[in-house]
């Protein structure tokens, strides 16, 4: 059994600029490389990016920056 750090958070981002399904892999690869990220799921149809991350290691700003580096505009979603 693996212990889960108490600082793991599930964050939802809204992303713009998807033009094809290959965008999904590009974002998942870039965000998944961040230290402290345990899971990334990109929803092509809705433009949502769901990320499980350790907030002590990776902030939401770090994730927005990584998505930006991949070439897409994003923002943390309130929902």
PDB file of N, CA and C in Angstrom:
ATOM      1  N   UNK A   1       0.850  -1.176   0.000  1.00  0.00           N
ATOM      2  CA  UNK A   1       0.000   0.000   0.000  1.00  0.00           C
ATOM      3  C   UNK A   1       0.891   1.232   0.000  1.00  0.00           C
ATOM      4  N   UNK A   2       0.551   2.180  -0.850  1.00  0.00           N
ATOM      5  CA  UNK A   2       1.322   3.404  -0.970  1.00  0.00           C
ATOM      6  C   UNK A   2       0.593   4.533  -0.265  1.00  0.00           C
ATOM      7  N   UNK A   3       1.310   5.262   0.552  1.00  0.00           N
ATOM      8  CA  UNK A   3       0.721   6.407   1.242  1.00  0.00           C
ATOM      9  C   UNK A   3       0.634   7.579   0.275  1.00  0.00           C
ATOM     10  N   UNK A   4      -0.468   8.311   0.307  1.00  0.00           N
ATOM     11  CA  UNK A   4      -0.658   9.483  -0.529  1.00  0.00           C
ATOM     12  C   UNK A   4      -0.350  10.723   0.290  1.00  0.00           C
ATOM     13  N   UNK A   5       0.548  11.576  -0.195  1.00  0.00           N
ATOM     14  CA  UNK A   5       0.839  12.799   0.543  1.00  0.00           C
ATOM     15  C   UNK A   5      -0.424  13.630   0.732  1.00  0.00           C
ATOM     16  N   UNK A   6      -0.516  14.301   1.871  1.00  0.00           N
ATOM     17  CA  UNK A   6      -1.698  15.095   2.195  1.00  0.00           C
ATOM     18  C   UNK A   6      -1.841  16.307   1.298  1.00  0.00           C
ATOM     19  N   UNK A   7      -0.795  16.662   0.569  1.00  0.00           N
ATOM     20  CA  UNK A   7      -0.848  17.869  -0.249  1.00  0.00           C
ATOM     21  C   UNK A   7      -1.281  17.604  -1.685  1.00  0.00           C
ATOM     22  N   UNK A   8      -1.677  16.359  -2.018  1.00  0.00           N
ATOM     23  CA  UNK A   8      -2.141  16.065  -3.378  1.00  0.00           C
ATOM     24  C   UNK A   8      -3.498  16.737  -3.606  1.00  0.00           C
ATOM     25  N   UNK A   9      -3.582  17.471  -4.699  1.00  0.00           N
ATOM     26  CA  UNK A   9      -4.789  18.221  -5.041  1.00  0.00           C
ATOM     27  C   UNK A   9      -5.193  17.903  -6.475  1.00  0.00           C
ATOM     28  N   UNK A  10      -6.492  17.884  -6.709  1.00  0.00           N
ATOM     29  CA  UNK A  10      -7.031  17.712  -8.062  1.00  0.00           C
ATOM     30  C   UNK A  10      -7.415  19.096  -8.568  1.00  0.00           C
ATOM     31  N   UNK A  11      -6.775  19.552  -9.637  1.00  0.00           N
ATOM     32  CA  UNK A  11      -7.047  20.888 -10.191  1.00  0.00           C
ATOM     33  C   UNK A  11      -7.590  20.762 -11.600  1.00  0.00           C
ATOM     34  N   UNK A  12      -8.482  21.675 -11.944  1.00  0.00           N
ATOM     35  CA  UNK A  12      -9.108  21.697 -13.265  1.00  0.00           C
ATOM     36  C   UNK A  12      -8.752  23.006 -13.967  1.00  0.00           C
ATOM     37  N   UNK A  13      -8.311  22.880 -15.208  1.00  0.00           N
ATOM     38  CA  UNK A  13      -7.930  24.042 -16.003  1.00  0.00           C
ATOM     39  C   UNK A  13      -8.771  24.075 -17.280  1.00  0.00           C
ATOM     40  N   UNK A  14      -9.065  25.261 -17.752  1.00  0.00           N
ATOM     41  CA  UNK A  14      -9.722  25.463 -19.054  1.00  0.00           C
ATOM     42  C   UNK A  14      -8.629  25.888 -20.026  1.00  0.00           C
ATOM     43  N   UNK A  15      -8.602  25.230 -21.164  1.00  0.00           N
ATOM     44  CA  UNK A  15      -7.550  25.487 -22.139  1.00  0.00           C
ATOM     45  C   UNK A  15      -8.151  25.839 -23.482  1.00  0.00           C
ATOM     46  N   UNK A  16      -7.508  26.753 -24.202  1.00  0.00           N
ATOM     47  CA  UNK A  16      -7.953  27.182 -25.535  1.00  0.00           C
ATOM     48  C   UNK A  16      -6.892  26.820 -26.558  1.00  0.00           C
ATOM     49  N   UNK A  17      -7.323  26.690 -27.785  1.00  0.00           N
ATOM     50  CA  UNK A  17      -6.389  26.524 -28.884  1.00  0.00           C
ATOM     51  C   UNK A  17      -6.236  25.102 -29.381  1.00  0.00           C
ATOM     52  N   UNK A  18      -7.071  24.176 -28.893  1.00  0.00           N
ATOM     53  CA  UNK A  18      -7.003  22.808 -29.402  1.00  0.00           C
ATOM     54  C   UNK A  18      -7.443  22.791 -30.859  1.00  0.00           C
ATOM     55  N   UNK A  19      -6.663  22.167 -31.705  1.00  0.00           N
ATOM     56  CA  UNK A  19      -7.064  22.063 -33.099  1.00  0.00           C
ATOM     57  C   UNK A  19      -7.127  20.616 -33.584  1.00  0.00           C
ATOM     58  N   UNK A  20      -6.512  19.701 -32.828  1.00  0.00           N
ATOM     59  CA  UNK A  20      -6.542  18.294 -33.229  1.00  0.00           C
ATOM     60  C   UNK A  20      -6.244  17.423 -32.000  1.00  0.00           C
ATOM     61  N   UNK A  21      -6.552  16.141 -32.093  1.00  0.00           N
ATOM     62  CA  UNK A  21      -6.324  15.263 -30.935  1.00  0.00           C
ATOM     63  C   UNK A  21      -4.856  15.140 -30.524  1.00  0.00           C
ATOM     64  N   UNK A  22      -3.931  15.467 -31.390  1.00  0.00           N
ATOM     65  CA  UNK A  22      -2.517  15.385 -31.001  1.00  0.00           C
ATOM     66  C   UNK A  22      -2.165  16.424 -29.945  1.00  0.00           C
ATOM     67  N   UNK A  23      -2.999  17.458 -29.826  1.00  0.00           N
ATOM     68  CA  UNK A  23      -2.794  18.465 -28.778  1.00  0.00           C
ATOM     69  C   UNK A  23      -2.882  17.821 -27.405  1.00  0.00           C
ATOM     70  N   UNK A  24      -3.735  16.811 -27.269  1.00  0.00           N
ATOM     71  CA  UNK A  24      -3.924  16.117 -25.992  1.00  0.00           C
ATOM     72  C   UNK A  24      -2.603  15.511 -25.527  1.00  0.00           C
ATOM     73  N   UNK A  25      -1.968  14.769 -26.394  1.00  0.00           N
ATOM     74  CA  UNK A  25      -0.701  14.117 -26.036  1.00  0.00           C
ATOM     75  C   UNK A  25       0.382  15.133 -25.722  1.00  0.00           C
ATOM     76  N   UNK A  26       0.387  16.223 -26.465  1.00  0.00           N
ATOM     77  CA  UNK A  26       1.397  17.265 -26.261  1.00  0.00           C
ATOM     78  C   UNK A  26       1.280  17.869 -24.859  1.00  0.00           C
ATOM     79  N   UNK A  27       0.061  18.178 -24.435  1.00  0.00           N
ATOM     80  CA  UNK A  27      -0.152  18.766 -23.110  1.00  0.00           C
ATOM     81  C   UNK A  27       0.102  17.727 -22.025  1.00  0.00           C
ATOM     82  N   UNK A  28      -0.402  16.510 -22.211  1.00  0.00           N
ATOM     83  CA  UNK A  28      -0.192  15.470 -21.193  1.00  0.00           C
ATOM     84  C   UNK A  28       1.292  15.198 -20.984  1.00  0.00           C
ATOM     85  N   UNK A  29       2.042  15.202 -22.053  1.00  0.00           N
ATOM     86  CA  UNK A  29       3.481  14.948 -21.947  1.00  0.00           C
ATOM     87  C   UNK A  29       4.173  16.089 -21.208  1.00  0.00           C
ATOM     88  N   UNK A  30       3.858  17.320 -21.556  1.00  0.00           N
ATOM     89  CA  UNK A  30       4.517  18.482 -20.954  1.00  0.00           C
ATOM     90  C   UNK A  30       4.168  18.605 -19.460  1.00  0.00           C
ATOM     91  N   UNK A  31       2.900  18.495 -19.125  1.00  0.00           N
ATOM     92  CA  UNK A  31       2.483  18.627 -17.721  1.00  0.00           C
ATOM     93  C   UNK A  31       2.940  17.408 -16.918  1.00  0.00           C
ATOM     94  N   UNK A  32       2.881  16.235 -17.524  1.00  0.00           N
ATOM     95  CA  UNK A  32       3.281  15.011 -16.834  1.00  0.00           C
ATOM     96  C   UNK A  32       4.745  14.979 -16.451  1.00  0.00           C
ATOM     97  N   UNK A  33       5.560  15.784 -17.109  1.00  0.00           N
ATOM     98  CA  UNK A  33       6.987  15.859 -16.778  1.00  0.00           C
ATOM     99  C   UNK A  33       7.259  16.650 -15.504  1.00  0.00           C
ATOM    100  N   UNK A  34       6.289  17.449 -15.075  1.00  0.00           N
ATOM    101  CA  UNK A  34       6.506  18.280 -13.891  1.00  0.00           C
ATOM    102  C   UNK A  34       6.636  17.403 -12.647  1.00  0.00           C
ATOM    103  N   UNK A  35       7.609  17.720 -11.823  1.00  0.00           N
ATOM    104  CA  UNK A  35       7.783  17.007 -10.565  1.00  0.00           C
ATOM    105  C   UNK A  35       6.555  17.274  -9.687  1.00  0.00           C
ATOM    106  N   UNK A  36       6.037  16.261  -9.071  1.00  0.00           N
ATOM    107  CA  UNK A  36       4.896  16.402  -8.184  1.00  0.00           C
ATOM    108  C   UNK A  36       3.558  16.131  -8.853  1.00  0.00           C
ATOM    109  N   UNK A  37       3.549  15.972 -10.182  1.00  0.00           N
ATOM    110  CA  UNK A  37       2.313  15.663 -10.904  1.00  0.00           C
ATOM    111  C   UNK A  37       2.160  14.150 -10.966  1.00  0.00           C
ATOM    112  N   UNK A  38       1.028  13.650 -10.475  1.00  0.00           N
ATOM    113  CA  UNK A  38       0.803  12.208 -10.458  1.00  0.00           C
ATOM    114  C   UNK A  38      -0.160  11.743 -11.544  1.00  0.00           C
ATOM    115  N   UNK A  39      -0.980  12.659 -12.083  1.00  0.00           N
ATOM    116  CA  UNK A  39      -1.941  12.275 -13.108  1.00  0.00           C
ATOM    117  C   UNK A  39      -2.336  13.494 -13.938  1.00  0.00           C
ATOM    118  N   UNK A  40      -2.470  13.289 -15.257  1.00  0.00           N
ATOM    119  CA  UNK A  40      -2.919  14.352 -16.169  1.00  0.00           C
ATOM    120  C   UNK A  40      -3.937  13.743 -17.112  1.00  0.00           C
ATOM    121  N   UNK A  41      -5.074  14.418 -17.270  1.00  0.00           N
ATOM    122  CA  UNK A  41      -6.090  13.965 -18.204  1.00  0.00           C
ATOM    123  C   UNK A  41      -6.597  15.172 -18.983  1.00  0.00           C
ATOM    124  N   UNK A  42      -6.442  15.136 -20.302  1.00  0.00           N
ATOM    125  CA  UNK A  42      -6.886  16.227 -21.164  1.00  0.00           C
ATOM    126  C   UNK A  42      -8.141  15.791 -21.899  1.00  0.00           C
ATOM    127  N   UNK A  43      -9.184  16.606 -21.809  1.00  0.00           N
ATOM    128  CA  UNK A  43     -10.461  16.335 -22.481  1.00  0.00           C
ATOM    129  C   UNK A  43     -10.535  17.205 -23.729  1.00  0.00           C
ATOM    130  N   UNK A  44     -10.315  16.587 -24.880  1.00  0.00           N
ATOM    131  CA  UNK A  44     -10.244  17.325 -26.146  1.00  0.00           C
ATOM    132  C   UNK A  44     -11.533  18.093 -26.433  1.00  0.00           C
ATOM    133  N   UNK A  45     -12.666  17.443 -26.320  1.00  0.00           N
ATOM    134  CA  UNK A  45     -13.943  18.058 -26.704  1.00  0.00           C
ATOM    135  C   UNK A  45     -14.301  19.272 -25.853  1.00  0.00           C
ATOM    136  N   UNK A  46     -13.974  19.229 -24.572  1.00  0.00           N
ATOM    137  CA  UNK A  46     -14.354  20.316 -23.676  1.00  0.00           C
ATOM    138  C   UNK A  46     -13.216  21.299 -23.401  1.00  0.00           C
ATOM    139  N   UNK A  47     -12.000  20.941 -23.768  1.00  0.00           N
ATOM    140  CA  UNK A  47     -10.853  21.805 -23.502  1.00  0.00           C
ATOM    141  C   UNK A  47     -10.440  21.813 -22.046  1.00  0.00           C
ATOM    142  N   UNK A  48     -10.810  20.784 -21.315  1.00  0.00           N
ATOM    143  CA  UNK A  48     -10.476  20.704 -19.891  1.00  0.00           C
ATOM    144  C   UNK A  48      -9.195  19.903 -19.688  1.00  0.00           C
ATOM    145  N   UNK A  49      -8.421  20.326 -18.700  1.00  0.00           N
ATOM    146  CA  UNK A  49      -7.227  19.593 -18.297  1.00  0.00           C
ATOM    147  C   UNK A  49      -7.347  19.348 -16.796  1.00  0.00           C
ATOM    148  N   UNK A  50      -7.362  18.078 -16.412  1.00  0.00           N
ATOM    149  CA  UNK A  50      -7.463  17.708 -15.007  1.00  0.00           C
ATOM    150  C   UNK A  50      -6.118  17.164 -14.557  1.00  0.00           C
ATOM    151  N   UNK A  51      -5.627  17.697 -13.434  1.00  0.00           N
ATOM    152  CA  UNK A  51      -4.294  17.342 -12.963  1.00  0.00           C
ATOM    153  C   UNK A  51      -4.333  17.033 -11.472  1.00  0.00           C
ATOM    154  N   UNK A  52      -3.767  15.889 -11.089  1.00  0.00           N
ATOM    155  CA  UNK A  52      -3.518  15.572  -9.690  1.00  0.00           C
ATOM    156  C   UNK A  52      -2.062  15.911  -9.420  1.00  0.00           C
ATOM    157  N   UNK A  53      -1.839  16.786  -8.442  1.00  0.00           N
ATOM    158  CA  UNK A  53      -0.463  17.229  -8.183  1.00  0.00           C
ATOM    159  C   UNK A  53      -0.247  17.526  -6.711  1.00  0.00           C
ATOM    160  N   UNK A  54       1.013  17.450  -6.320  1.00  0.00           N
ATOM    161  CA  UNK A  54       1.421  17.766  -4.954  1.00  0.00           C
ATOM    162  C   UNK A  54       1.648  19.272  -4.902  1.00  0.00           C
ATOM    163  N   UNK A  55       0.806  19.979  -4.183  1.00  0.00           N
ATOM    164  CA  UNK A  55       0.891  21.445  -4.149  1.00  0.00           C
ATOM    165  C   UNK A  55       2.150  21.943  -3.442  1.00  0.00           C
ATOM    166  N   UNK A  56       2.787  21.080  -2.671  1.00  0.00           N
ATOM    167  CA  UNK A  56       4.042  21.463  -2.025  1.00  0.00           C
ATOM    168  C   UNK A  56       5.189  21.474  -3.027  1.00  0.00           C
ATOM    169  N   UNK A  57       4.996  20.816  -4.166  1.00  0.00           N
ATOM    170  CA  UNK A  57       6.053  20.695  -5.181  1.00  0.00           C
ATOM    171  C   UNK A  57       5.697  21.472  -6.451  1.00  0.00           C
ATOM    172  N   UNK A  58       4.441  21.366  -6.902  1.00  0.00           N
ATOM    173  CA  UNK A  58       4.009  21.974  -8.170  1.00  0.00           C
ATOM    174  C   UNK A  58       2.752  22.815  -7.940  1.00  0.00           C
ATOM    175  N   UNK A  59       2.851  24.090  -8.248  1.00  0.00           N
ATOM    176  CA  UNK A  59       1.708  24.989  -8.080  1.00  0.00           C
ATOM    177  C   UNK A  59       0.832  24.993  -9.333  1.00  0.00           C
ATOM    178  N   UNK A  60      -0.349  25.571  -9.204  1.00  0.00           N
ATOM    179  CA  UNK A  60      -1.218  25.701 -10.383  1.00  0.00           C
ATOM    180  C   UNK A  60      -0.579  26.632 -11.418  1.00  0.00           C
ATOM    181  N   UNK A  61       0.176  27.611 -10.959  1.00  0.00           N
ATOM    182  CA  UNK A  61       0.883  28.504 -11.896  1.00  0.00           C
ATOM    183  C   UNK A  61       1.922  27.726 -12.700  1.00  0.00           C
ATOM    184  N   UNK A  62       2.598  26.767 -12.044  1.00  0.00           N
ATOM    185  CA  UNK A  62       3.574  25.932 -12.756  1.00  0.00           C
ATOM    186  C   UNK A  62       2.877  25.153 -13.876  1.00  0.00           C
ATOM    187  N   UNK A  63       1.677  24.666 -13.597  1.00  0.00           N
ATOM    188  CA  UNK A  63       0.931  23.879 -14.588  1.00  0.00           C
ATOM    189  C   UNK A  63       0.455  24.777 -15.739  1.00  0.00           C
ATOM    190  N   UNK A  64      -0.044  25.963 -15.409  1.00  0.00           N
ATOM    191  CA  UNK A  64      -0.449  26.921 -16.460  1.00  0.00           C
ATOM    192  C   UNK A  64       0.759  27.256 -17.343  1.00  0.00           C
ATOM    193  N   UNK A  65       1.921  27.448 -16.719  1.00  0.00           N
ATOM    194  CA  UNK A  65       3.145  27.744 -17.486  1.00  0.00           C
ATOM    195  C   UNK A  65       3.515  26.574 -18.405  1.00  0.00           C
ATOM    196  N   UNK A  66       3.385  25.343 -17.900  1.00  0.00           N
ATOM    197  CA  UNK A  66       3.728  24.158 -18.706  1.00  0.00           C
ATOM    198  C   UNK A  66       2.780  24.028 -19.893  1.00  0.00           C
ATOM    199  N   UNK A  67       1.505  24.282 -19.677  1.00  0.00           N
ATOM    200  CA  UNK A  67       0.538  24.237 -20.784  1.00  0.00           C
ATOM    201  C   UNK A  67       0.863  25.336 -21.789  1.00  0.00           C
ATOM    202  N   UNK A  68       1.258  26.513 -21.296  1.00  0.00           N
ATOM    203  CA  UNK A  68       1.661  27.611 -22.170  1.00  0.00           C
ATOM    204  C   UNK A  68       2.896  27.255 -22.994  1.00  0.00           C
ATOM    205  N   UNK A  69       3.845  26.565 -22.361  1.00  0.00           N
ATOM    206  CA  UNK A  69       5.050  26.137 -23.076  1.00  0.00           C
ATOM    207  C   UNK A  69       4.700  25.159 -24.187  1.00  0.00           C
ATOM    208  N   UNK A  70       3.648  24.373 -23.964  1.00  0.00           N
ATOM    209  CA  UNK A  70       3.192  23.437 -24.996  1.00  0.00           C
ATOM    210  C   UNK A  70       2.479  24.164 -26.140  1.00  0.00           C
ATOM    211  N   UNK A  71       2.146  25.450 -25.921  1.00  0.00           N
ATOM    212  CA  UNK A  71       1.559  26.250 -26.987  1.00  0.00           C
ATOM    213  C   UNK A  71       0.080  26.561 -26.837  1.00  0.00           C
ATOM    214  N   UNK A  72      -0.444  26.413 -25.607  1.00  0.00           N
ATOM    215  CA  UNK A  72      -1.877  26.622 -25.412  1.00  0.00           C
ATOM    216  C   UNK A  72      -2.119  27.571 -24.250  1.00  0.00           C
ATOM    217  N   UNK A  73      -3.154  28.376 -24.381  1.00  0.00           N
ATOM    218  CA  UNK A  73      -3.553  29.298 -23.333  1.00  0.00           C
ATOM    219  C   UNK A  73      -4.440  28.549 -22.346  1.00  0.00           C
ATOM    220  N   UNK A  74      -4.208  28.758 -21.036  1.00  0.00           N
ATOM    221  CA  UNK A  74      -5.042  28.070 -20.047  1.00  0.00           C
ATOM    222  C   UNK A  74      -5.194  28.920 -18.794  1.00  0.00           C
ATOM    223  N   UNK A  75      -6.173  28.537 -17.989  1.00  0.00           N
ATOM    224  CA  UNK A  75      -6.413  29.202 -16.713  1.00  0.00           C
ATOM    225  C   UNK A  75      -7.037  28.193 -15.764  1.00  0.00           C
ATOM    226  N   UNK A  76      -6.760  28.368 -14.490  1.00  0.00           N
ATOM    227  CA  UNK A  76      -7.364  27.524 -13.464  1.00  0.00           C
ATOM    228  C   UNK A  76      -8.863  27.763 -13.456  1.00  0.00           C
ATOM    229  N   UNK A  77      -9.647  26.714 -13.420  1.00  0.00           N
ATOM    230  CA  UNK A  77     -11.098  26.818 -13.418  1.00  0.00           C
ATOM    231  C   UNK A  77     -11.604  26.811 -11.982  1.00  0.00           C
ATOM    232  N   UNK A  78     -12.659  27.574 -11.733  1.00  0.00           N
ATOM    233  CA  UNK A  78     -13.244  27.623 -10.401  1.00  0.00           C
ATOM    234  C   UNK A  78     -14.025  26.360 -10.094  1.00  0.00           C
ATOM    235  N   UNK A  79     -14.470  25.639 -11.107  1.00  0.00           N
ATOM    236  CA  UNK A  79     -15.270  24.431 -10.899  1.00  0.00           C
ATOM    237  C   UNK A  79     -14.456  23.207 -11.116  1.00  0.00           C
TER     238      UNK A  79
END
